C-alpha atoms as a PDB file:
ATOM      1  CA  UNK A   1       0.000   0.000   0.000  1.00  0.00           C
ATOM      2  CA  UNK A   2       1.167   3.539  -0.762  1.00  0.00           C
ATOM      3  CA  UNK A   3       1.141   5.586   2.442  1.00  0.00           C
ATOM      4  CA  UNK A   4       0.575   9.293   3.000  1.00  0.00           C
ATOM      5  CA  UNK A   5       4.233   9.495   4.048  1.00  0.00           C
ATOM      6  CA  UNK A   6       5.240   8.170   0.621  1.00  0.00           C
ATOM      7  CA  UNK A   7       3.108  10.829  -1.055  1.00  0.00           C
ATOM      8  CA  UNK A   8       4.517  13.515   1.249  1.00  0.00           C
ATOM      9  CA  UNK A   9       8.034  12.549   0.157  1.00  0.00           C
ATOM     10  CA  UNK A  10       7.083  12.571  -3.526  1.00  0.00           C
ATOM     11  CA  UNK A  11       5.323  15.950  -3.421  1.00  0.00           C
ATOM     12  CA  UNK A  12       8.243  17.435  -1.500  1.00  0.00           C
ATOM     13  CA  UNK A  13      10.641  16.164  -4.170  1.00  0.00           C
ATOM     14  CA  UNK A  14       8.415  17.726  -6.854  1.00  0.00           C
ATOM     15  CA  UNK A  15       8.380  21.065  -5.018  1.00  0.00           C
ATOM     16  CA  UNK A  16      12.110  21.282  -4.418  1.00  0.00           C
ATOM     17  CA  UNK A  17      13.457  19.395  -7.445  1.00  0.00           C
ATOM     18  CA  UNK A  18      16.380  18.341  -5.240  1.00  0.00           C
ATOM     19  CA  UNK A  19      16.858  15.231  -3.073  1.00  0.00           C
ATOM     20  CA  UNK A  20      18.789  16.939  -0.248  1.00  0.00           C
ATOM     21  CA  UNK A  21      16.337  19.856   0.117  1.00  0.00           C
ATOM     22  CA  UNK A  22      13.340  17.523  -0.074  1.00  0.00           C
ATOM     23  CA  UNK A  23      14.888  15.268   2.588  1.00  0.00           C
ATOM     24  CA  UNK A  24      15.475  18.275   4.848  1.00  0.00           C
ATOM     25  CA  UNK A  25      11.887  19.415   4.275  1.00  0.00           C
ATOM     26  CA  UNK A  26      10.650  15.979   5.339  1.00  0.00           C
ATOM     27  CA  UNK A  27      12.946  15.837   8.393  1.00  0.00           C
ATOM     28  CA  UNK A  28      15.042  12.832   7.337  1.00  0.00           C
ATOM     29  CA  UNK A  29      18.540  12.243   6.020  1.00  0.00           C
ATOM     30  CA  UNK A  30      19.118  12.150   2.276  1.00  0.00           C
ATOM     31  CA  UNK A  31      20.033   8.416   2.273  1.00  0.00           C
ATOM     32  CA  UNK A  32      16.830   7.618   4.189  1.00  0.00           C
ATOM     33  CA  UNK A  33      14.810   9.757   1.772  1.00  0.00           C
ATOM     34  CA  UNK A  34      16.322   8.084  -1.312  1.00  0.00           C
ATOM     35  CA  UNK A  35      15.810   4.639   0.209  1.00  0.00           C
ATOM     36  CA  UNK A  36      12.116   5.341   0.784  1.00  0.00           C
ATOM     37  CA  UNK A  37      11.669   6.383  -2.859  1.00  0.00           C
ATOM     38  CA  UNK A  38      13.473   3.216  -4.030  1.00  0.00           C
ATOM     39  CA  UNK A  39      11.304   1.040  -1.767  1.00  0.00           C
ATOM     40  CA  UNK A  40       8.202   2.647  -3.275  1.00  0.00           C
ATOM     41  CA  UNK A  41       9.508   1.924  -6.781  1.00  0.00           C
ATOM     42  CA  UNK A  42      10.095  -1.695  -5.800  1.00  0.00           C
ATOM     43  CA  UNK A  43       6.551  -2.046  -4.490  1.00  0.00           C
ATOM     44  CA  UNK A  44       5.128  -0.515  -7.670  1.00  0.00           C
ATOM     45  CA  UNK A  45       7.593  -2.410  -9.883  1.00  0.00           C
ATOM     46  CA  UNK A  46       8.253   0.769 -11.861  1.00  0.00           C
ATOM     47  CA  UNK A  47      10.796   3.582 -11.960  1.00  0.00           C
ATOM     48  CA  UNK A  48       9.292   6.822 -10.645  1.00  0.00           C
ATOM     49  CA  UNK A  49      12.293   9.149 -10.701  1.00  0.00           C
ATOM     50  CA  UNK A  50      14.795   9.863 -13.478  1.00  0.00           C
ATOM     51  CA  UNK A  51      18.198   9.500 -11.893  1.00  0.00           C
ATOM     52  CA  UNK A  52      21.629  10.879 -12.695  1.00  0.00           C
ATOM     53  CA  UNK A  53      24.094  12.944 -10.720  1.00  0.00           C
ATOM     54  CA  UNK A  54      21.071  14.926  -9.556  1.00  0.00           C
ATOM     55  CA  UNK A  55      17.275  14.837  -9.719  1.00  0.00           C
ATOM     56  CA  UNK A  56      16.221  15.006 -13.383  1.00  0.00           C
ATOM     57  CA  UNK A  57      12.451  14.831 -13.050  1.00  0.00           C
ATOM     58  CA  UNK A  58       9.852  12.089 -12.993  1.00  0.00           C
ATOM     59  CA  UNK A  59       9.294   9.252 -15.413  1.00  0.00           C
ATOM     60  CA  UNK A  60       5.905   9.014 -17.184  1.00  0.00           C
ATOM     61  CA  UNK A  61       4.833   6.598 -14.433  1.00  0.00           C
ATOM     62  CA  UNK A  62       6.071   9.088 -11.848  1.00  0.00           C
ATOM     63  CA  UNK A  63       4.160  11.935 -13.501  1.00  0.00           C
ATOM     64  CA  UNK A  64       0.962   9.876 -13.397  1.00  0.00           C
ATOM     65  CA  UNK A  65       1.539   9.078  -9.735  1.00  0.00           C
ATOM     66  CA  UNK A  66       2.240  12.741  -8.953  1.00  0.00           C
ATOM     67  CA  UNK A  67      -1.081  13.869 -10.451  1.00  0.00           C
ATOM     68  CA  UNK A  68      -2.904  11.661  -7.969  1.00  0.00           C
ATOM     69  CA  UNK A  69      -0.496  12.471  -5.128  1.00  0.00           C
ATOM     70  CA  UNK A  70      -1.146  16.206  -5.403  1.00  0.00           C
ATOM     71  CA  UNK A  71      -4.911  15.681  -5.331  1.00  0.00           C
ATOM     72  CA  UNK A  72      -4.643  13.435  -2.275  1.00  0.00           C
ATOM     73  CA  UNK A  73      -2.298  15.795  -0.394  1.00  0.00           C
ATOM     74  CA  UNK A  74      -4.585  18.728  -1.282  1.00  0.00           C
ATOM     75  CA  UNK A  75      -7.418  16.775   0.311  1.00  0.00           C
ATOM     76  CA  UNK A  76      -5.344  16.078   3.420  1.00  0.00           C
ATOM     77  CA  UNK A  77      -4.446  19.777   3.764  1.00  0.00           C
ATOM     78  CA  UNK A  78      -8.090  20.761   3.328  1.00  0.00           C
ATOM     79  CA  UNK A  79      -9.140  18.209   5.961  1.00  0.00           C
ATOM     80  CA  UNK A  80      -6.558  19.533   8.424  1.00  0.00           C
ATOM     81  CA  UNK A  81      -7.664  23.136   7.854  1.00  0.00           C
ATOM     82  CA  UNK A  82     -11.345  22.269   8.291  1.00  0.00           C
ATOM     83  CA  UNK A  83     -10.522  20.399  11.504  1.00  0.00           C
ATOM     84  CA  UNK A  84      -8.547  23.329  12.917  1.00  0.00           C
ATOM     85  CA  UNK A  85     -11.256  25.774  11.815  1.00  0.00           C
ATOM     86  CA  UNK A  86     -14.171  23.800  13.258  1.00  0.00           C
ATOM     87  CA  UNK A  87     -14.506  26.363  16.051  1.00  0.00           C
ATOM     88  CA  UNK A  88     -15.131  29.080  13.468  1.00  0.00           C
ATOM     89  CA  UNK A  89     -11.644  30.620  13.553  1.00  0.00           C
ATOM     90  CA  UNK A  90      -9.577  30.243  10.374  1.00  0.00           C
ATOM     91  CA  UNK A  91      -6.054  29.071  11.181  1.00  0.00           C
ATOM     92  CA  UNK A  92      -3.099  27.540   9.365  1.00  0.00           C
ATOM     93  CA  UNK A  93      -0.304  28.616   7.047  1.00  0.00           C
ATOM     94  CA  UNK A  94      -0.866  30.467   3.774  1.00  0.00           C
ATOM     95  CA  UNK A  95       1.972  30.289   1.261  1.00  0.00           C
ATOM     96  CA  UNK A  96       1.758  33.325  -1.025  1.00  0.00           C
ATOM     97  CA  UNK A  97       3.911  33.999  -4.093  1.00  0.00           C
ATOM     98  CA  UNK A  98       4.097  37.665  -5.131  1.00  0.00           C
ATOM     99  CA  UNK A  99       5.721  39.416  -8.085  1.00  0.00           C
ATOM    100  CA  UNK A 100       8.101  42.225  -6.992  1.00  0.00           C
ATOM    101  CA  UNK A 101       5.837  44.965  -8.385  1.00  0.00           C
ATOM    102  CA  UNK A 102       2.965  43.856  -6.118  1.00  0.00           C
ATOM    103  CA  UNK A 103       4.840  43.607  -2.806  1.00  0.00           C
ATOM    104  CA  UNK A 104       3.304  46.816  -1.434  1.00  0.00           C
ATOM    105  CA  UNK A 105      -0.222  45.693  -2.298  1.00  0.00           C
ATOM    106  CA  UNK A 106       0.430  42.213  -0.865  1.00  0.00           C
ATOM    107  CA  UNK A 107       1.826  43.581   2.391  1.00  0.00           C
ATOM    108  CA  UNK A 108      -1.286  45.706   2.932  1.00  0.00           C
ATOM    109  CA  UNK A 109      -3.537  42.721   2.126  1.00  0.00           C
ATOM    110  CA  UNK A 110      -1.644  40.466   4.542  1.00  0.00           C
ATOM    111  CA  UNK A 111      -2.064  43.102   7.247  1.00  0.00           C
ATOM    112  CA  UNK A 112      -5.836  43.095   6.777  1.00  0.00           C
ATOM    113  CA  UNK A 113      -5.910  39.283   6.622  1.00  0.00           C
ATOM    114  CA  UNK A 114      -3.993  38.971   9.885  1.00  0.00           C
ATOM    115  CA  UNK A 115      -6.203  41.581  11.548  1.00  0.00           C
ATOM    116  CA  UNK A 116      -9.294  39.510  10.751  1.00  0.00           C
ATOM    117  CA  UNK A 117      -7.676  36.088  11.237  1.00  0.00           C
ATOM    118  CA  UNK A 118      -4.739  36.233  13.678  1.00  0.00           C
ATOM    119  CA  UNK A 119      -4.483  32.427  13.547  1.00  0.00           C
ATOM    120  CA  UNK A 120      -3.212  32.527   9.949  1.00  0.00           C
ATOM    121  CA  UNK A 121       0.544  32.591   9.397  1.00  0.00           C
ATOM    122  CA  UNK A 122       1.552  33.955   5.983  1.00  0.00           C
ATOM    123  CA  UNK A 123       4.721  32.848   4.211  1.00  0.00           C
ATOM    124  CA  UNK A 124       5.217  35.534   1.566  1.00  0.00           C
ATOM    125  CA  UNK A 125       7.839  34.998  -1.114  1.00  0.00           C
ATOM    126  CA  UNK A 126       8.668  37.305  -4.018  1.00  0.00           C
ATOM    127  CA  UNK A 127       9.146  35.464  -7.305  1.00  0.00           C
ATOM    128  CA  UNK A 128       8.815  35.858 -11.054  1.00  0.00           C
ATOM    129  CA  UNK A 129       5.416  35.324 -12.669  1.00  0.00           C
ATOM    130  CA  UNK A 130       6.618  32.043 -14.222  1.00  0.00           C
ATOM    131  CA  UNK A 131       7.949  30.768 -10.883  1.00  0.00           C
ATOM    132  CA  UNK A 132       4.617  31.611  -9.249  1.00  0.00           C
ATOM    133  CA  UNK A 133       2.644  29.702 -11.882  1.00  0.00           C
ATOM    134  CA  UNK A 134       4.956  26.700 -11.567  1.00  0.00           C
ATOM    135  CA  UNK A 135       4.812  26.960  -7.780  1.00  0.00           C
ATOM    136  CA  UNK A 136       1.017  26.883  -7.813  1.00  0.00           C
ATOM    137  CA  UNK A 137       1.085  23.779  -9.994  1.00  0.00           C
ATOM    138  CA  UNK A 138       3.597  22.079  -7.694  1.00  0.00           C
ATOM    139  CA  UNK A 139       1.746  23.282  -4.572  1.00  0.00           C
ATOM    140  CA  UNK A 140       4.712  25.326  -3.382  1.00  0.00           C
ATOM    141  CA  UNK A 141       2.272  28.253  -3.211  1.00  0.00           C
ATOM    142  CA  UNK A 142      -1.363  28.205  -2.100  1.00  0.00           C
ATOM    143  CA  UNK A 143      -2.032  31.460  -3.947  1.00  0.00           C
ATOM    144  CA  UNK A 144      -0.169  33.988  -6.052  1.00  0.00           C
ATOM    145  CA  UNK A 145      -0.413  37.696  -6.819  1.00  0.00           C
ATOM    146  CA  UNK A 146       0.899  38.056 -10.342  1.00  0.00           C
ATOM    147  CA  UNK A 147       0.093  39.233 -13.854  1.00  0.00           C
ATOM    148  CA  UNK A 148      -3.098  37.672 -15.186  1.00  0.00           C
ATOM    149  CA  UNK A 149      -2.111  38.126 -18.821  1.00  0.00           C
ATOM    150  CA  UNK A 150      -1.268  34.863 -20.541  1.00  0.00           C
ATOM    151  CA  UNK A 151      -2.497  32.634 -17.695  1.00  0.00           C
ATOM    152  CA  UNK A 152      -4.884  29.916 -18.843  1.00  0.00           C
ATOM    153  CA  UNK A 153      -8.117  29.978 -16.774  1.00  0.00           C
ATOM    154  CA  UNK A 154      -8.294  26.237 -17.350  1.00  0.00           C
ATOM    155  CA  UNK A 155      -5.042  25.787 -15.413  1.00  0.00           C
ATOM    156  CA  UNK A 156      -5.543  28.403 -12.699  1.00  0.00           C
ATOM    157  CA  UNK A 157      -8.324  30.556 -11.302  1.00  0.00           C
ATOM    158  CA  UNK A 158      -7.599  34.164 -12.335  1.00  0.00           C
ATOM    159  CA  UNK A 159      -9.282  37.063 -10.494  1.00  0.00           C
ATOM    160  CA  UNK A 160      -8.341  40.647 -11.384  1.00  0.00           C
ATOM    161  CA  UNK A 161      -7.170  42.848  -8.502  1.00  0.00           C
ATOM    162  CA  UNK A 162      -5.987  46.162  -9.978  1.00  0.00           C
ATOM    163  CA  UNK A 163      -4.331  47.804 -12.946  1.00  0.00           C
ATOM    164  CA  UNK A 164      -0.590  48.361 -12.642  1.00  0.00           C
ATOM    165  CA  UNK A 165       0.587  51.788 -13.864  1.00  0.00           C
ATOM    166  CA  UNK A 166       4.170  53.023 -13.993  1.00  0.00           C
ATOM    167  CA  UNK A 167       6.173  55.980 -12.699  1.00  0.00           C
ATOM    168  CA  UNK A 168       9.611  57.273 -13.628  1.00  0.00           C
ATOM    169  CA  UNK A 169      11.610  57.681 -10.424  1.00  0.00           C
ATOM    170  CA  UNK A 170      14.632  59.892 -10.992  1.00  0.00           C
ATOM    171  CA  UNK A 171      17.113  61.983  -9.000  1.00  0.00           C
ATOM    172  CA  UNK A 172      16.315  65.684  -9.321  1.00  0.00           C
ATOM    173  CA  UNK A 173      19.556  66.186 -11.238  1.00  0.00           C
ATOM    174  CA  UNK A 174      18.515  63.627 -13.899  1.00  0.00           C
ATOM    175  CA  UNK A 175      14.758  64.179 -14.132  1.00  0.00           C
ATOM    176  CA  UNK A 176      13.496  65.679 -17.417  1.00  0.00           C
ATOM    177  CA  UNK A 177      11.308  68.015 -15.319  1.00  0.00           C
ATOM    178  CA  UNK A 178      10.407  68.463 -11.675  1.00  0.00           C
ATOM    179  CA  UNK A 179       6.642  67.879 -12.004  1.00  0.00           C
ATOM    180  CA  UNK A 180       3.996  66.657 -14.433  1.00  0.00           C
ATOM    181  CA  UNK A 181       4.462  63.538 -16.573  1.00  0.00           C
ATOM    182  CA  UNK A 182       7.255  61.922 -18.562  1.00  0.00           C
ATOM    183  CA  UNK A 183       7.220  59.980 -21.804  1.00  0.00           C
ATOM    184  CA  UNK A 184       8.761  56.546 -22.247  1.00  0.00           C
ATOM    185  CA  UNK A 185      11.150  58.050 -24.794  1.00  0.00           C
ATOM    186  CA  UNK A 186      12.380  60.532 -22.164  1.00  0.00           C
ATOM    187  CA  UNK A 187      12.848  57.710 -19.652  1.00  0.00           C
ATOM    188  CA  UNK A 188      14.950  55.767 -22.171  1.00  0.00           C
ATOM    189  CA  UNK A 189      17.403  58.685 -22.380  1.00  0.00           C
ATOM    190  CA  UNK A 190      18.313  58.397 -18.685  1.00  0.00           C
ATOM    191  CA  UNK A 191      20.697  55.875 -17.065  1.00  0.00           C
ATOM    192  CA  UNK A 192      18.263  53.245 -15.780  1.00  0.00           C
ATOM    193  CA  UNK A 193      18.305  50.515 -13.148  1.00  0.00           C
ATOM    194  CA  UNK A 194      15.641  47.934 -14.037  1.00  0.00           C
ATOM    195  CA  UNK A 195      14.623  44.425 -13.036  1.00  0.00           C
ATOM    196  CA  UNK A 196      16.425  41.470 -14.604  1.00  0.00           C
ATOM    197  CA  UNK A 197      15.401  40.447 -18.161  1.00  0.00           C
ATOM    198  CA  UNK A 198      13.864  37.194 -16.851  1.00  0.00           C
ATOM    199  CA  UNK A 199      11.232  39.140 -14.874  1.00  0.00           C
ATOM    200  CA  UNK A 200       7.921  39.792 -16.609  1.00  0.00           C
ATOM    201  CA  UNK A 201       7.893  43.420 -15.497  1.00  0.00           C
ATOM    202  CA  UNK A 202      11.169  43.943 -17.370  1.00  0.00           C
ATOM    203  CA  UNK A 203       9.752  42.262 -20.474  1.00  0.00           C
ATOM    204  CA  UNK A 204       6.736  44.592 -20.279  1.00  0.00           C
ATOM    205  CA  UNK A 205       8.980  47.666 -20.087  1.00  0.00           C
ATOM    206  CA  UNK A 206      11.278  46.441 -22.881  1.00  0.00           C
ATOM    207  CA  UNK A 207       8.257  45.957 -25.143  1.00  0.00           C
ATOM    208  CA  UNK A 208       7.042  49.513 -24.502  1.00  0.00           C
ATOM    209  CA  UNK A 209      10.485  50.946 -25.226  1.00  0.00           C
ATOM    210  CA  UNK A 210      10.599  49.004 -28.504  1.00  0.00           C
ATOM    211  CA  UNK A 211       7.128  50.230 -29.449  1.00  0.00           C
ATOM    212  CA  UNK A 212       8.213  53.864 -29.091  1.00  0.00           C
ATOM    213  CA  UNK A 213      11.452  53.174 -30.974  1.00  0.00           C
ATOM    214  CA  UNK A 214      13.686  53.835 -27.960  1.00  0.00           C
ATOM    215  CA  UNK A 215      16.716  51.919 -26.696  1.00  0.00           C
ATOM    216  CA  UNK A 216      16.906  52.319 -22.894  1.00  0.00           C
ATOM    217  CA  UNK A 217      20.266  53.065 -21.283  1.00  0.00           C
ATOM    218  CA  UNK A 218      20.284  50.240 -18.720  1.00  0.00           C
ATOM    219  CA  UNK A 219      23.221  50.615 -16.337  1.00  0.00           C
ATOM    220  CA  UNK A 220      22.102  48.094 -13.685  1.00  0.00           C
ATOM    221  CA  UNK A 221      19.793  45.082 -13.389  1.00  0.00           C
ATOM    222  CA  UNK A 222      18.404  43.734 -10.109  1.00  0.00           C
ATOM    223  CA  UNK A 223      16.074  41.028  -8.829  1.00  0.00           C
ATOM    224  CA  UNK A 224      13.961  43.472  -6.800  1.00  0.00           C
ATOM    225  CA  UNK A 225      13.148  47.179  -6.613  1.00  0.00           C
ATOM    226  CA  UNK A 226      14.993  48.102  -3.429  1.00  0.00           C
ATOM    227  CA  UNK A 227      18.414  48.358  -5.082  1.00  0.00           C
ATOM    228  CA  UNK A 228      17.054  50.396  -7.987  1.00  0.00           C
ATOM    229  CA  UNK A 229      15.267  52.816  -5.681  1.00  0.00           C
ATOM    230  CA  UNK A 230      18.398  53.240  -3.570  1.00  0.00           C
ATOM    231  CA  UNK A 231      20.338  54.023  -6.749  1.00  0.00           C
ATOM    232  CA  UNK A 232      17.786  56.702  -7.568  1.00  0.00           C
ATOM    233  CA  UNK A 233      18.050  58.100  -4.039  1.00  0.00           C
ATOM    234  CA  UNK A 234      21.849  58.279  -4.321  1.00  0.00           C
ATOM    235  CA  UNK A 235      21.698  59.986  -7.742  1.00  0.00           C
ATOM    236  CA  UNK A 236      23.266  57.092  -9.652  1.00  0.00           C
ATOM    237  CA  UNK A 237      20.366  56.132 -11.929  1.00  0.00           C
ATOM    238  CA  UNK A 238      16.666  56.511 -12.554  1.00  0.00           C
ATOM    239  CA  UNK A 239      14.226  53.608 -12.453  1.00  0.00           C
ATOM    240  CA  UNK A 240      10.657  52.694 -13.407  1.00  0.00           C
ATOM    241  CA  UNK A 241       8.415  51.481 -10.586  1.00  0.00           C
ATOM    242  CA  UNK A 242       4.723  50.610 -10.234  1.00  0.00           C
ATOM    243  CA  UNK A 243       2.574  53.474  -9.002  1.00  0.00           C
ATOM    244  CA  UNK A 244       1.139  51.305  -6.219  1.00  0.00           C
ATOM    245  CA  UNK A 245       4.566  50.411  -4.839  1.00  0.00           C
ATOM    246  CA  UNK A 246       5.589  54.068  -4.783  1.00  0.00           C
ATOM    247  CA  UNK A 247       2.350  55.024  -3.003  1.00  0.00           C
ATOM    248  CA  UNK A 248       2.918  52.381  -0.325  1.00  0.00           C
ATOM    249  CA  UNK A 249       6.451  53.672   0.387  1.00  0.00           C
ATOM    250  CA  UNK A 250       5.580  57.380   0.339  1.00  0.00           C
ATOM    251  CA  UNK A 251       7.632  60.318  -0.890  1.00  0.00           C
ATOM    252  CA  UNK A 252      11.405  59.984  -1.073  1.00  0.00           C
ATOM    253  CA  UNK A 253      13.541  63.114  -0.575  1.00  0.00           C
ATOM    254  CA  UNK A 254      15.682  64.180  -3.498  1.00  0.00           C
ATOM    255  CA  UNK A 255      13.688  62.136  -5.994  1.00  0.00           C
ATOM    256  CA  UNK A 256      11.203  63.232  -8.647  1.00  0.00           C
ATOM    257  CA  UNK A 257       8.280  60.897  -9.450  1.00  0.00           C
ATOM    258  CA  UNK A 258       6.725  61.426 -12.886  1.00  0.00           C
ATOM    259  CA  UNK A 259       3.836  59.243 -14.138  1.00  0.00           C
ATOM    260  CA  UNK A 260       4.749  57.695 -17.494  1.00  0.00           C
ATOM    261  CA  UNK A 261       2.531  58.363 -20.488  1.00  0.00           C
ATOM    262  CA  UNK A 262       2.809  58.513 -24.262  1.00  0.00           C
ATOM    263  CA  UNK A 263       1.798  55.771 -24.507  1.00  0.00           C
ATOM    264  CA  UNK A 264      -0.288  55.184 -21.366  1.00  0.00           C
ATOM    265  CA  UNK A 265       0.204  51.659 -20.032  1.00  0.00           C
ATOM    266  CA  UNK A 266      -1.721  49.539 -17.547  1.00  0.00           C
ATOM    267  CA  UNK A 267      -1.297  45.820 -16.826  1.00  0.00           C
ATOM    268  CA  UNK A 268      -3.742  43.651 -14.865  1.00  0.00           C
ATOM    269  CA  UNK A 269      -2.453  42.167 -11.600  1.00  0.00           C
ATOM    270  CA  UNK A 270      -4.536  39.229 -10.412  1.00  0.00           C
ATOM    271  CA  UNK A 271      -4.966  36.673  -7.665  1.00  0.00           C
ATOM    272  CA  UNK A 272      -4.011  33.250  -9.035  1.00  0.00           C
ATOM    273  CA  UNK A 273      -5.167  30.096  -7.257  1.00  0.00           C
ATOM    274  CA  UNK A 274      -5.397  26.402  -8.155  1.00  0.00           C
ATOM    275  CA  UNK A 275      -8.831  25.053  -8.979  1.00  0.00           C
ATOM    276  CA  UNK A 276      -9.974  23.453  -5.727  1.00  0.00           C
ATOM    277  CA  UNK A 277     -13.539  22.592  -4.727  1.00  0.00           C
ATOM    278  CA  UNK A 278     -13.881  23.385  -1.926  1.00  0.00           C
ATOM    279  CA  UNK A 279     -11.012  25.836  -1.545  1.00  0.00           C
ATOM    280  CA  UNK A 280      -8.567  26.038   1.346  1.00  0.00           C
ATOM    281  CA  UNK A 281      -9.998  28.082   4.195  1.00  0.00           C
ATOM    282  CA  UNK A 282      -6.874  30.279   4.330  1.00  0.00           C
ATOM    283  CA  UNK A 283      -7.164  31.074   0.610  1.00  0.00           C
ATOM    284  CA  UNK A 284     -10.893  31.752   0.925  1.00  0.00           C
ATOM    285  CA  UNK A 285     -10.150  34.124   3.817  1.00  0.00           C
ATOM    286  CA  UNK A 286      -7.681  35.974   1.591  1.00  0.00           C
ATOM    287  CA  UNK A 287     -10.268  36.187  -1.178  1.00  0.00           C
ATOM    288  CA  UNK A 288     -12.767  37.728   1.263  1.00  0.00           C
ATOM    289  CA  UNK A 289     -10.209  40.307   2.390  1.00  0.00           C
ATOM    290  CA  UNK A 290      -9.546  41.178  -1.242  1.00  0.00           C
ATOM    291  CA  UNK A 291     -13.329  41.462  -1.805  1.00  0.00           C
ATOM    292  CA  UNK A 292     -13.262  38.710  -4.429  1.00  0.00           C
ATOM    293  CA  UNK A 293     -15.800  36.419  -2.800  1.00  0.00           C
ATOM    294  CA  UNK A 294     -19.021  36.377  -4.806  1.00  0.00           C
END
């Protein structure tokens, strides 16, 4: 018989893609972890894992087993949450993946969630939109706040939250003007610190620059906005940030903030969740806080 412990080991291996990290997650040594997987393969008389010097994925038989394992472990998690919440108080851990541009919005939402449900512990992790989608599929994340564009509603539940607009953040000495708006062409003329090319926000900005026929002067690339904003504060470079993130941080001395127009741009940021019926109580609590519950 396949046990829940076997499925816990398999789903952990799928989440981490690494034997040592999965073993640590499950609280056992790597040799003990590997032995348990081999024993399961012997019982099933089939190879589950592709092996080499490191984990290389699952075999077709392993993929089939994982589809069922995720459903079963989802059911176990739901059962545990319903048991803990039987008294009417929603408790448990909520794993939330958030794109860097939505960190300010997510922080405010988590504050409201915790105010209403102090028994919920939130594990918030910033990640790229692709990593969030993959994490939702692998059950690394219970929910994600990411771009809704390009996400298949058949794969994930997509619920729009707000439209992301952009602001040029520049030292006073570099800003094209001290108030009003700026064009994307003007932004491209400044030394810029932007997110890394692998991030969807950077791909969005690069596309706009191409559409206006401008080649941005990128002098630095980062994995989050903090470094870029510090560069702007120190007079090294300008940057482009979401309006919502800037509003959550407030005014920064020595920096000019100019909304970007010509062309105007707005991208939908959405709550992404796996299709679960019924849903996890922690995720449903988040949906209520975000006023998404119908």
